[in-house]
Amino acid sequence: MPMAKAAPAHREQLALDLLLTGKSATATVAHMAVHCGCSRRQSQRYVAAAYQFLKADITACNVDRPVQVAKLIHLLETTCEQALAAKNFSAVVASCRELRELCGLSADK
């Protein structure tokens, strides 16, 4: 049953839960759009809010930054691989952009 009437806080918590189980941002956005009955754009907002919560939590815990960066690189590379296999080229591009930004490979750097 879609959660069309669910409160935004509930949707943000769902996004956070999905991210914590290891789902990529792209997969979380897609899941939210289907199961919550909201647009992809709105799903992206919920996922962004969940990431802000994660960022604050990690900052407060003083987590080892190189370890987190390595984990994110691995996750983005895995996302790219799976998206490419599924011929989801927009997800490949999005993951590559995030990876480029994370690694500081932008042309303007």
PDB file of N, CA and C in Angstrom:
ATOM      1  N   MET A   1       0.840  -1.178   0.000  1.00  0.00           N
ATOM      2  CA  MET A   1       0.000   0.000   0.000  1.00  0.00           C
ATOM      3  C   MET A   1       0.886   1.242   0.000  1.00  0.00           C
ATOM      4  N   PRO A   2       0.736   2.132  -0.979  1.00  0.00           N
ATOM      5  CA  PRO A   2       1.564   3.336  -1.026  1.00  0.00           C
ATOM      6  C   PRO A   2       1.328   4.217   0.199  1.00  0.00           C
ATOM      7  N   MET A   3       2.378   4.898   0.605  1.00  0.00           N
ATOM      8  CA  MET A   3       2.281   5.771   1.768  1.00  0.00           C
ATOM      9  C   MET A   3       2.046   7.204   1.321  1.00  0.00           C
ATOM     10  N   ALA A   4       1.064   7.426   0.463  1.00  0.00           N
ATOM     11  CA  ALA A   4       0.826   8.734  -0.126  1.00  0.00           C
ATOM     12  C   ALA A   4       0.551   9.800   0.921  1.00  0.00           C
ATOM     13  N   LYS A   5      -0.029   9.425   2.038  1.00  0.00           N
ATOM     14  CA  LYS A   5      -0.392  10.397   3.059  1.00  0.00           C
ATOM     15  C   LYS A   5       0.615  10.467   4.207  1.00  0.00           C
ATOM     16  N   ALA A   6       1.724   9.797   4.065  1.00  0.00           N
ATOM     17  CA  ALA A   6       2.723   9.771   5.140  1.00  0.00           C
ATOM     18  C   ALA A   6       3.313  11.156   5.349  1.00  0.00           C
ATOM     19  N   ALA A   7       3.601  11.462   6.581  1.00  0.00           N
ATOM     20  CA  ALA A   7       4.195  12.753   6.925  1.00  0.00           C
ATOM     21  C   ALA A   7       5.612  12.848   6.377  1.00  0.00           C
ATOM     22  N   PRO A   8       6.043  14.071   6.040  1.00  0.00           N
ATOM     23  CA  PRO A   8       7.413  14.236   5.532  1.00  0.00           C
ATOM     24  C   PRO A   8       8.478  13.663   6.461  1.00  0.00           C
ATOM     25  N   ALA A   9       8.307  13.805   7.758  1.00  0.00           N
ATOM     26  CA  ALA A   9       9.299  13.262   8.697  1.00  0.00           C
ATOM     27  C   ALA A   9       9.387  11.744   8.575  1.00  0.00           C
ATOM     28  N   HIS A  10       8.250  11.103   8.364  1.00  0.00           N
ATOM     29  CA  HIS A  10       8.232   9.650   8.183  1.00  0.00           C
ATOM     30  C   HIS A  10       8.965   9.270   6.896  1.00  0.00           C
ATOM     31  N   ARG A  11       8.768  10.045   5.856  1.00  0.00           N
ATOM     32  CA  ARG A  11       9.436   9.766   4.577  1.00  0.00           C
ATOM     33  C   ARG A  11      10.941   9.998   4.684  1.00  0.00           C
ATOM     34  N   GLU A  12      11.332  11.045   5.395  1.00  0.00           N
ATOM     35  CA  GLU A  12      12.761  11.280   5.604  1.00  0.00           C
ATOM     36  C   GLU A  12      13.381  10.133   6.395  1.00  0.00           C
ATOM     37  N   GLN A  13      12.656   9.618   7.376  1.00  0.00           N
ATOM     38  CA  GLN A  13      13.154   8.482   8.152  1.00  0.00           C
ATOM     39  C   GLN A  13      13.276   7.244   7.275  1.00  0.00           C
ATOM     40  N   LEU A  14      12.303   7.035   6.392  1.00  0.00           N
ATOM     41  CA  LEU A  14      12.377   5.899   5.466  1.00  0.00           C
ATOM     42  C   LEU A  14      13.598   6.037   4.567  1.00  0.00           C
ATOM     43  N   ALA A  15      13.833   7.244   4.054  1.00  0.00           N
ATOM     44  CA  ALA A  15      15.019   7.473   3.210  1.00  0.00           C
ATOM     45  C   ALA A  15      16.293   7.170   3.995  1.00  0.00           C
ATOM     46  N   LEU A  16      16.353   7.632   5.229  1.00  0.00           N
ATOM     47  CA  LEU A  16      17.512   7.378   6.078  1.00  0.00           C
ATOM     48  C   LEU A  16      17.697   5.883   6.308  1.00  0.00           C
ATOM     49  N   ASP A  17      16.617   5.185   6.608  1.00  0.00           N
ATOM     50  CA  ASP A  17      16.693   3.742   6.828  1.00  0.00           C
ATOM     51  C   ASP A  17      17.220   3.017   5.586  1.00  0.00           C
ATOM     52  N   LEU A  18      16.751   3.422   4.419  1.00  0.00           N
ATOM     53  CA  LEU A  18      17.203   2.776   3.180  1.00  0.00           C
ATOM     54  C   LEU A  18      18.679   3.039   2.939  1.00  0.00           C
ATOM     55  N   LEU A  19      19.112   4.273   3.168  1.00  0.00           N
ATOM     56  CA  LEU A  19      20.530   4.602   2.988  1.00  0.00           C
ATOM     57  C   LEU A  19      21.397   3.811   3.971  1.00  0.00           C
ATOM     58  N   LEU A  20      20.914   3.666   5.196  1.00  0.00           N
ATOM     59  CA  LEU A  20      21.684   2.939   6.207  1.00  0.00           C
ATOM     60  C   LEU A  20      21.782   1.448   5.920  1.00  0.00           C
ATOM     61  N   THR A  21      20.853   0.921   5.133  1.00  0.00           N
ATOM     62  CA  THR A  21      20.937  -0.495   4.759  1.00  0.00           C
ATOM     63  C   THR A  21      21.864  -0.700   3.565  1.00  0.00           C
ATOM     64  N   GLY A  22      22.410   0.395   3.030  1.00  0.00           N
ATOM     65  CA  GLY A  22      23.375   0.282   1.943  1.00  0.00           C
ATOM     66  C   GLY A  22      22.828   0.603   0.572  1.00  0.00           C
ATOM     67  N   LYS A  23      21.566   0.991   0.487  1.00  0.00           N
ATOM     68  CA  LYS A  23      21.024   1.370  -0.819  1.00  0.00           C
ATOM     69  C   LYS A  23      21.692   2.657  -1.277  1.00  0.00           C
ATOM     70  N   SER A  24      21.931   2.755  -2.559  1.00  0.00           N
ATOM     71  CA  SER A  24      22.506   3.972  -3.114  1.00  0.00           C
ATOM     72  C   SER A  24      21.460   5.077  -3.102  1.00  0.00           C
ATOM     73  N   ALA A  25      21.905   6.297  -3.308  1.00  0.00           N
ATOM     74  CA  ALA A  25      20.966   7.426  -3.378  1.00  0.00           C
ATOM     75  C   ALA A  25      19.981   7.224  -4.521  1.00  0.00           C
ATOM     76  N   THR A  26      20.473   6.769  -5.655  1.00  0.00           N
ATOM     77  CA  THR A  26      19.616   6.557  -6.817  1.00  0.00           C
ATOM     78  C   THR A  26      18.553   5.506  -6.532  1.00  0.00           C
ATOM     79  N   ALA A  27      18.960   4.403  -5.923  1.00  0.00           N
ATOM     80  CA  ALA A  27      18.005   3.343  -5.597  1.00  0.00           C
ATOM     81  C   ALA A  27      17.014   3.812  -4.546  1.00  0.00           C
ATOM     82  N   THR A  28      17.469   4.621  -3.622  1.00  0.00           N
ATOM     83  CA  THR A  28      16.581   5.136  -2.580  1.00  0.00           C
ATOM     84  C   THR A  28      15.549   6.093  -3.168  1.00  0.00           C
ATOM     85  N   VAL A  29      15.990   6.962  -4.058  1.00  0.00           N
ATOM     86  CA  VAL A  29      15.057   7.882  -4.724  1.00  0.00           C
ATOM     87  C   VAL A  29      13.997   7.092  -5.487  1.00  0.00           C
ATOM     88  N   ALA A  30      14.416   6.093  -6.242  1.00  0.00           N
ATOM     89  CA  ALA A  30      13.470   5.284  -7.012  1.00  0.00           C
ATOM     90  C   ALA A  30      12.484   4.570  -6.087  1.00  0.00           C
ATOM     91  N   HIS A  31      12.986   3.993  -5.006  1.00  0.00           N
ATOM     92  CA  HIS A  31      12.133   3.289  -4.050  1.00  0.00           C
ATOM     93  C   HIS A  31      11.114   4.251  -3.435  1.00  0.00           C
ATOM     94  N   MET A  32      11.584   5.413  -3.032  1.00  0.00           N
ATOM     95  CA  MET A  32      10.700   6.400  -2.412  1.00  0.00           C
ATOM     96  C   MET A  32       9.606   6.840  -3.379  1.00  0.00           C
ATOM     97  N   ALA A  33       9.970   7.080  -4.630  1.00  0.00           N
ATOM     98  CA  ALA A  33       8.987   7.530  -5.617  1.00  0.00           C
ATOM     99  C   ALA A  33       7.890   6.492  -5.818  1.00  0.00           C
ATOM    100  N   VAL A  34       8.269   5.223  -5.862  1.00  0.00           N
ATOM    101  CA  VAL A  34       7.292   4.155  -6.079  1.00  0.00           C
ATOM    102  C   VAL A  34       6.455   3.898  -4.829  1.00  0.00           C
ATOM    103  N   HIS A  35       7.102   3.728  -3.694  1.00  0.00           N
ATOM    104  CA  HIS A  35       6.398   3.294  -2.491  1.00  0.00           C
ATOM    105  C   HIS A  35       5.739   4.406  -1.685  1.00  0.00           C
ATOM    106  N   CYS A  36       6.169   5.644  -1.904  1.00  0.00           N
ATOM    107  CA  CYS A  36       5.548   6.750  -1.174  1.00  0.00           C
ATOM    108  C   CYS A  36       4.555   7.517  -2.036  1.00  0.00           C
ATOM    109  N   GLY A  37       4.538   7.207  -3.326  1.00  0.00           N
ATOM    110  CA  GLY A  37       3.603   7.887  -4.209  1.00  0.00           C
ATOM    111  C   GLY A  37       3.934   9.348  -4.424  1.00  0.00           C
ATOM    112  N   CYS A  38       5.225   9.690  -4.379  1.00  0.00           N
ATOM    113  CA  CYS A  38       5.625  11.079  -4.611  1.00  0.00           C
ATOM    114  C   CYS A  38       6.511  11.136  -5.850  1.00  0.00           C
ATOM    115  N   SER A  39       6.762  12.345  -6.317  1.00  0.00           N
ATOM    116  CA  SER A  39       7.586  12.513  -7.514  1.00  0.00           C
ATOM    117  C   SER A  39       9.042  12.170  -7.215  1.00  0.00           C
ATOM    118  N   ARG A  40       9.807  11.941  -8.287  1.00  0.00           N
ATOM    119  CA  ARG A  40      11.237  11.682  -8.108  1.00  0.00           C
ATOM    120  C   ARG A  40      11.916  12.901  -7.489  1.00  0.00           C
ATOM    121  N   ARG A  41      11.491  14.088  -7.891  1.00  0.00           N
ATOM    122  CA  ARG A  41      12.096  15.312  -7.359  1.00  0.00           C
ATOM    123  C   ARG A  41      11.862  15.413  -5.850  1.00  0.00           C
ATOM    124  N   GLN A  42      10.625  15.118  -5.416  1.00  0.00           N
ATOM    125  CA  GLN A  42      10.325  15.151  -3.987  1.00  0.00           C
ATOM    126  C   GLN A  42      11.112  14.059  -3.265  1.00  0.00           C
ATOM    127  N   SER A  43      11.233  12.903  -3.905  1.00  0.00           N
ATOM    128  CA  SER A  43      12.029  11.821  -3.317  1.00  0.00           C
ATOM    129  C   SER A  43      13.477  12.261  -3.141  1.00  0.00           C
ATOM    130  N   GLN A  44      13.994  12.994  -4.113  1.00  0.00           N
ATOM    131  CA  GLN A  44      15.367  13.501  -4.009  1.00  0.00           C
ATOM    132  C   GLN A  44      15.510  14.430  -2.805  1.00  0.00           C
ATOM    133  N   ARG A  45      14.480  15.225  -2.537  1.00  0.00           N
ATOM    134  CA  ARG A  45      14.522  16.119  -1.372  1.00  0.00           C
ATOM    135  C   ARG A  45      14.574  15.321  -0.061  1.00  0.00           C
ATOM    136  N   TYR A  46      13.789  14.257   0.018  1.00  0.00           N
ATOM    137  CA  TYR A  46      13.808  13.421   1.225  1.00  0.00           C
ATOM    138  C   TYR A  46      15.178  12.764   1.404  1.00  0.00           C
ATOM    139  N   VAL A  47      15.753  12.288   0.313  1.00  0.00           N
ATOM    140  CA  VAL A  47      17.071  11.650   0.378  1.00  0.00           C
ATOM    141  C   VAL A  47      18.134  12.680   0.765  1.00  0.00           C
ATOM    142  N   ALA A  48      18.033  13.893   0.218  1.00  0.00           N
ATOM    143  CA  ALA A  48      18.982  14.951   0.582  1.00  0.00           C
ATOM    144  C   ALA A  48      18.893  15.265   2.075  1.00  0.00           C
ATOM    145  N   ALA A  49      17.680  15.314   2.607  1.00  0.00           N
ATOM    146  CA  ALA A  49      17.508  15.574   4.041  1.00  0.00           C
ATOM    147  C   ALA A  49      18.117  14.432   4.867  1.00  0.00           C
ATOM    148  N   ALA A  50      17.939  13.210   4.404  1.00  0.00           N
ATOM    149  CA  ALA A  50      18.519  12.061   5.111  1.00  0.00           C
ATOM    150  C   ALA A  50      20.043  12.141   5.099  1.00  0.00           C
ATOM    151  N   TYR A  51      20.610  12.546   3.965  1.00  0.00           N
ATOM    152  CA  TYR A  51      22.066  12.690   3.889  1.00  0.00           C
ATOM    153  C   TYR A  51      22.560  13.792   4.832  1.00  0.00           C
ATOM    154  N   GLN A  52      21.807  14.864   4.961  1.00  0.00           N
ATOM    155  CA  GLN A  52      22.201  15.926   5.889  1.00  0.00           C
ATOM    156  C   GLN A  52      22.225  15.403   7.324  1.00  0.00           C
ATOM    157  N   PHE A  53      21.249  14.564   7.658  1.00  0.00           N
ATOM    158  CA  PHE A  53      21.232  13.951   8.991  1.00  0.00           C
ATOM    159  C   PHE A  53      22.463  13.059   9.181  1.00  0.00           C
ATOM    160  N   LEU A  54      22.765  12.246   8.154  1.00  0.00           N
ATOM    161  CA  LEU A  54      23.945  11.373   8.236  1.00  0.00           C
ATOM    162  C   LEU A  54      25.222  12.181   8.402  1.00  0.00           C
ATOM    163  N   LYS A  55      25.325  13.256   7.640  1.00  0.00           N
ATOM    164  CA  LYS A  55      26.510  14.107   7.710  1.00  0.00           C
ATOM    165  C   LYS A  55      26.677  14.680   9.118  1.00  0.00           C
ATOM    166  N   ALA A  56      25.592  15.184   9.685  1.00  0.00           N
ATOM    167  CA  ALA A  56      25.657  15.748  11.039  1.00  0.00           C
ATOM    168  C   ALA A  56      26.038  14.671  12.052  1.00  0.00           C
ATOM    169  N   ASP A  57      25.488  13.485  11.877  1.00  0.00           N
ATOM    170  CA  ASP A  57      25.775  12.382  12.788  1.00  0.00           C
ATOM    171  C   ASP A  57      27.247  11.977  12.702  1.00  0.00           C
ATOM    172  N   ILE A  58      27.760  11.875  11.495  1.00  0.00           N
ATOM    173  CA  ILE A  58      29.165  11.487  11.302  1.00  0.00           C
ATOM    174  C   ILE A  58      30.089  12.562  11.858  1.00  0.00           C
ATOM    175  N   THR A  59      29.755  13.822  11.623  1.00  0.00           N
ATOM    176  CA  THR A  59      30.567  14.919  12.140  1.00  0.00           C
ATOM    177  C   THR A  59      30.594  14.900  13.670  1.00  0.00           C
ATOM    178  N   ALA A  60      29.444  14.668  14.268  1.00  0.00           N
ATOM    179  CA  ALA A  60      29.361  14.644  15.732  1.00  0.00           C
ATOM    180  C   ALA A  60      30.146  13.478  16.326  1.00  0.00           C
ATOM    181  N   CYS A  61      30.248  12.372  15.591  1.00  0.00           N
ATOM    182  CA  CYS A  61      30.943  11.185  16.099  1.00  0.00           C
ATOM    183  C   CYS A  61      32.437  11.199  15.807  1.00  0.00           C
ATOM    184  N   ASN A  62      32.901  12.198  15.057  1.00  0.00           N
ATOM    185  CA  ASN A  62      34.309  12.312  14.700  1.00  0.00           C
ATOM    186  C   ASN A  62      34.814  11.046  13.999  1.00  0.00           C
ATOM    187  N   VAL A  63      34.067  10.594  13.002  1.00  0.00           N
ATOM    188  CA  VAL A  63      34.412   9.392  12.253  1.00  0.00           C
ATOM    189  C   VAL A  63      35.649   9.666  11.396  1.00  0.00           C
ATOM    190  N   ASP A  64      36.464   8.656  11.232  1.00  0.00           N
ATOM    191  CA  ASP A  64      37.684   8.751  10.437  1.00  0.00           C
ATOM    192  C   ASP A  64      37.345   9.074   8.982  1.00  0.00           C
ATOM    193  N   ARG A  65      37.685  10.271   8.546  1.00  0.00           N
ATOM    194  CA  ARG A  65      37.316  10.748   7.205  1.00  0.00           C
ATOM    195  C   ARG A  65      37.860   9.864   6.074  1.00  0.00           C
ATOM    196  N   PRO A  66      39.117   9.472   6.068  1.00  0.00           N
ATOM    197  CA  PRO A  66      39.600   8.621   4.965  1.00  0.00           C
ATOM    198  C   PRO A  66      38.830   7.305   4.828  1.00  0.00           C
ATOM    199  N   VAL A  67      38.429   6.736   5.937  1.00  0.00           N
ATOM    200  CA  VAL A  67      37.665   5.491   5.893  1.00  0.00           C
ATOM    201  C   VAL A  67      36.302   5.747   5.249  1.00  0.00           C
ATOM    202  N   GLN A  68      35.661   6.837   5.631  1.00  0.00           N
ATOM    203  CA  GLN A  68      34.352   7.167   5.053  1.00  0.00           C
ATOM    204  C   GLN A  68      34.470   7.461   3.563  1.00  0.00           C
ATOM    205  N   VAL A  69      35.505   8.162   3.169  1.00  0.00           N
ATOM    206  CA  VAL A  69      35.709   8.471   1.750  1.00  0.00           C
ATOM    207  C   VAL A  69      35.915   7.183   0.963  1.00  0.00           C
ATOM    208  N   ALA A  70      36.702   6.279   1.497  1.00  0.00           N
ATOM    209  CA  ALA A  70      36.922   4.994   0.823  1.00  0.00           C
ATOM    210  C   ALA A  70      35.613   4.226   0.676  1.00  0.00           C
ATOM    211  N   LYS A  71      34.798   4.248   1.713  1.00  0.00           N
ATOM    212  CA  LYS A  71      33.500   3.568   1.657  1.00  0.00           C
ATOM    213  C   LYS A  71      32.606   4.195   0.586  1.00  0.00           C
ATOM    214  N   LEU A  72      32.582   5.511   0.532  1.00  0.00           N
ATOM    215  CA  LEU A  72      31.760   6.200  -0.467  1.00  0.00           C
ATOM    216  C   LEU A  72      32.247   5.930  -1.888  1.00  0.00           C
ATOM    217  N   ILE A  73      33.545   5.907  -2.075  1.00  0.00           N
ATOM    218  CA  ILE A  73      34.089   5.603  -3.396  1.00  0.00           C
ATOM    219  C   ILE A  73      33.653   4.209  -3.827  1.00  0.00           C
ATOM    220  N   HIS A  74      33.776   3.260  -2.931  1.00  0.00           N
ATOM    221  CA  HIS A  74      33.360   1.889  -3.250  1.00  0.00           C
ATOM    222  C   HIS A  74      31.867   1.836  -3.587  1.00  0.00           C
ATOM    223  N   LEU A  75      31.051   2.502  -2.792  1.00  0.00           N
ATOM    224  CA  LEU A  75      29.612   2.499  -3.018  1.00  0.00           C
ATOM    225  C   LEU A  75      29.263   3.138  -4.363  1.00  0.00           C
ATOM    226  N   LEU A  76      29.895   4.253  -4.699  1.00  0.00           N
ATOM    227  CA  LEU A  76      29.628   4.917  -5.978  1.00  0.00           C
ATOM    228  C   LEU A  76      30.085   4.064  -7.160  1.00  0.00           C
ATOM    229  N   GLU A  77      31.215   3.412  -7.020  1.00  0.00           N
ATOM    230  CA  GLU A  77      31.679   2.534  -8.100  1.00  0.00           C
ATOM    231  C   GLU A  77      30.733   1.354  -8.279  1.00  0.00           C
ATOM    232  N   THR A  78      30.248   0.797  -7.182  1.00  0.00           N
ATOM    233  CA  THR A  78      29.281  -0.302  -7.253  1.00  0.00           C
ATOM    234  C   THR A  78      27.985   0.163  -7.897  1.00  0.00           C
ATOM    235  N   THR A  79      27.543   1.339  -7.528  1.00  0.00           N
ATOM    236  CA  THR A  79      26.324   1.912  -8.116  1.00  0.00           C
ATOM    237  C   THR A  79      26.491   2.086  -9.614  1.00  0.00           C
ATOM    238  N   CYS A  80      27.629   2.599 -10.034  1.00  0.00           N
ATOM    239  CA  CYS A  80      27.898   2.765 -11.468  1.00  0.00           C
ATOM    240  C   CYS A  80      27.841   1.420 -12.195  1.00  0.00           C
ATOM    241  N   GLU A  81      28.478   0.439 -11.618  1.00  0.00           N
ATOM    242  CA  GLU A  81      28.509  -0.890 -12.234  1.00  0.00           C
ATOM    243  C   GLU A  81      27.101  -1.467 -12.382  1.00  0.00           C
ATOM    244  N   GLN A  82      26.313  -1.388 -11.333  1.00  0.00           N
ATOM    245  CA  GLN A  82      24.956  -1.930 -11.375  1.00  0.00           C
ATOM    246  C   GLN A  82      24.060  -1.135 -12.315  1.00  0.00           C
ATOM    247  N   ALA A  83      24.203   0.177 -12.301  1.00  0.00           N
ATOM    248  CA  ALA A  83      23.393   1.017 -13.191  1.00  0.00           C
ATOM    249  C   ALA A  83      23.754   0.766 -14.653  1.00  0.00           C
ATOM    250  N   LEU A  84      25.022   0.571 -14.919  1.00  0.00           N
ATOM    251  CA  LEU A  84      25.451   0.279 -16.288  1.00  0.00           C
ATOM    252  C   LEU A  84      24.899  -1.061 -16.749  1.00  0.00           C
ATOM    253  N   ALA A  85      24.932  -2.062 -15.887  1.00  0.00           N
ATOM    254  CA  ALA A  85      24.387  -3.379 -16.223  1.00  0.00           C
ATOM    255  C   ALA A  85      22.881  -3.306 -16.479  1.00  0.00           C
ATOM    256  N   ALA A  86      22.205  -2.409 -15.762  1.00  0.00           N
ATOM    257  CA  ALA A  86      20.754  -2.248 -15.926  1.00  0.00           C
ATOM    258  C   ALA A  86      20.411  -1.256 -17.045  1.00  0.00           C
ATOM    259  N   LYS A  87      21.439  -0.725 -17.706  1.00  0.00           N
ATOM    260  CA  LYS A  87      21.272   0.283 -18.767  1.00  0.00           C
ATOM    261  C   LYS A  87      20.522   1.514 -18.258  1.00  0.00           C
ATOM    262  N   ASN A  88      20.786   1.875 -17.011  1.00  0.00           N
ATOM    263  CA  ASN A  88      20.224   3.072 -16.404  1.00  0.00           C
ATOM    264  C   ASN A  88      21.306   4.151 -16.476  1.00  0.00           C
ATOM    265  N   PHE A  89      21.424   4.742 -17.656  1.00  0.00           N
ATOM    266  CA  PHE A  89      22.542   5.633 -17.927  1.00  0.00           C
ATOM    267  C   PHE A  89      22.480   6.936 -17.132  1.00  0.00           C
ATOM    268  N   SER A  90      21.289   7.398 -16.792  1.00  0.00           N
ATOM    269  CA  SER A  90      21.212   8.607 -15.974  1.00  0.00           C
ATOM    270  C   SER A  90      21.780   8.343 -14.576  1.00  0.00           C
ATOM    271  N   ALA A  91      21.565   7.155 -14.057  1.00  0.00           N
ATOM    272  CA  ALA A  91      22.133   6.804 -12.755  1.00  0.00           C
ATOM    273  C   ALA A  91      23.655   6.673 -12.847  1.00  0.00           C
ATOM    274  N   VAL A  92      24.152   6.164 -13.971  1.00  0.00           N
ATOM    275  CA  VAL A  92      25.605   6.069 -14.178  1.00  0.00           C
ATOM    276  C   VAL A  92      26.213   7.464 -14.158  1.00  0.00           C
ATOM    277  N   VAL A  93      25.596   8.377 -14.902  1.00  0.00           N
ATOM    278  CA  VAL A  93      26.109   9.750 -14.969  1.00  0.00           C
ATOM    279  C   VAL A  93      26.062  10.403 -13.595  1.00  0.00           C
ATOM    280  N   ALA A  94      24.960  10.250 -12.880  1.00  0.00           N
ATOM    281  CA  ALA A  94      24.835  10.853 -11.550  1.00  0.00           C
ATOM    282  C   ALA A  94      25.898  10.308 -10.597  1.00  0.00           C
ATOM    283  N   SER A  95      26.103   8.999 -10.629  1.00  0.00           N
ATOM    284  CA  SER A  95      27.104   8.393  -9.750  1.00  0.00           C
ATOM    285  C   SER A  95      28.509   8.853 -10.115  1.00  0.00           C
ATOM    286  N   CYS A  96      28.775   8.943 -11.411  1.00  0.00           N
ATOM    287  CA  CYS A  96      30.091   9.405 -11.857  1.00  0.00           C
ATOM    288  C   CYS A  96      30.338  10.862 -11.458  1.00  0.00           C
ATOM    289  N   ARG A  97      29.305  11.674 -11.544  1.00  0.00           N
ATOM    290  CA  ARG A  97      29.450  13.078 -11.114  1.00  0.00           C
ATOM    291  C   ARG A  97      29.785  13.157  -9.634  1.00  0.00           C
ATOM    292  N   GLU A  98      29.085  12.370  -8.835  1.00  0.00           N
ATOM    293  CA  GLU A  98      29.361  12.363  -7.397  1.00  0.00           C
ATOM    294  C   GLU A  98      30.773  11.861  -7.114  1.00  0.00           C
ATOM    295  N   LEU A  99      31.180  10.835  -7.827  1.00  0.00           N
ATOM    296  CA  LEU A  99      32.521  10.278  -7.653  1.00  0.00           C
ATOM    297  C   LEU A  99      33.578  11.309  -8.052  1.00  0.00           C
ATOM    298  N   ARG A 100      33.343  11.983  -9.167  1.00  0.00           N
ATOM    299  CA  ARG A 100      34.270  13.027  -9.623  1.00  0.00           C
ATOM    300  C   ARG A 100      34.399  14.127  -8.578  1.00  0.00           C
ATOM    301  N   GLU A 101      33.268  14.550  -8.019  1.00  0.00           N
ATOM    302  CA  GLU A 101      33.283  15.601  -7.005  1.00  0.00           C
ATOM    303  C   GLU A 101      33.992  15.131  -5.728  1.00  0.00           C
ATOM    304  N   LEU A 102      33.683  13.925  -5.311  1.00  0.00           N
ATOM    305  CA  LEU A 102      34.289  13.372  -4.107  1.00  0.00           C
ATOM    306  C   LEU A 102      35.807  13.268  -4.234  1.00  0.00           C
ATOM    307  N   CYS A 103      36.263  12.876  -5.408  1.00  0.00           N
ATOM    308  CA  CYS A 103      37.710  12.677  -5.626  1.00  0.00           C
ATOM    309  C   CYS A 103      38.422  13.962  -6.049  1.00  0.00           C
ATOM    310  N   GLY A 104      37.665  15.038  -6.232  1.00  0.00           N
ATOM    311  CA  GLY A 104      38.277  16.303  -6.634  1.00  0.00           C
ATOM    312  C   GLY A 104      38.801  16.288  -8.051  1.00  0.00           C
ATOM    313  N   LEU A 105      38.115  15.619  -8.944  1.00  0.00           N
ATOM    314  CA  LEU A 105      38.571  15.490 -10.332  1.00  0.00           C
ATOM    315  C   LEU A 105      37.911  16.479 -11.278  1.00  0.00           C
ATOM    316  N   SER A 106      37.176  17.451 -10.740  1.00  0.00           N
ATOM    317  CA  SER A 106      36.524  18.450 -11.587  1.00  0.00           C
ATOM    318  C   SER A 106      37.562  19.259 -12.337  1.00  0.00           C
ATOM    319  N   ALA A 107      37.185  19.718 -13.510  1.00  0.00           N
ATOM    320  CA  ALA A 107      38.110  20.481 -14.359  1.00  0.00           C
ATOM    321  C   ALA A 107      38.521  21.804 -13.716  1.00  0.00           C
ATOM    322  N   ASP A 108      37.654  22.376 -12.890  1.00  0.00           N
ATOM    323  CA  ASP A 108      37.942  23.674 -12.279  1.00  0.00           C
ATOM    324  C   ASP A 108      38.806  23.570 -11.029  1.00  0.00           C
ATOM    325  N   LYS A 109      39.235  22.409 -10.656  1.00  0.00           N
ATOM    326  CA  LYS A 109      40.050  22.241  -9.432  1.00  0.00           C
ATOM    327  C   LYS A 109      41.514  22.363  -9.738  1.00  0.00           C
TER     328      LYS A 109
END
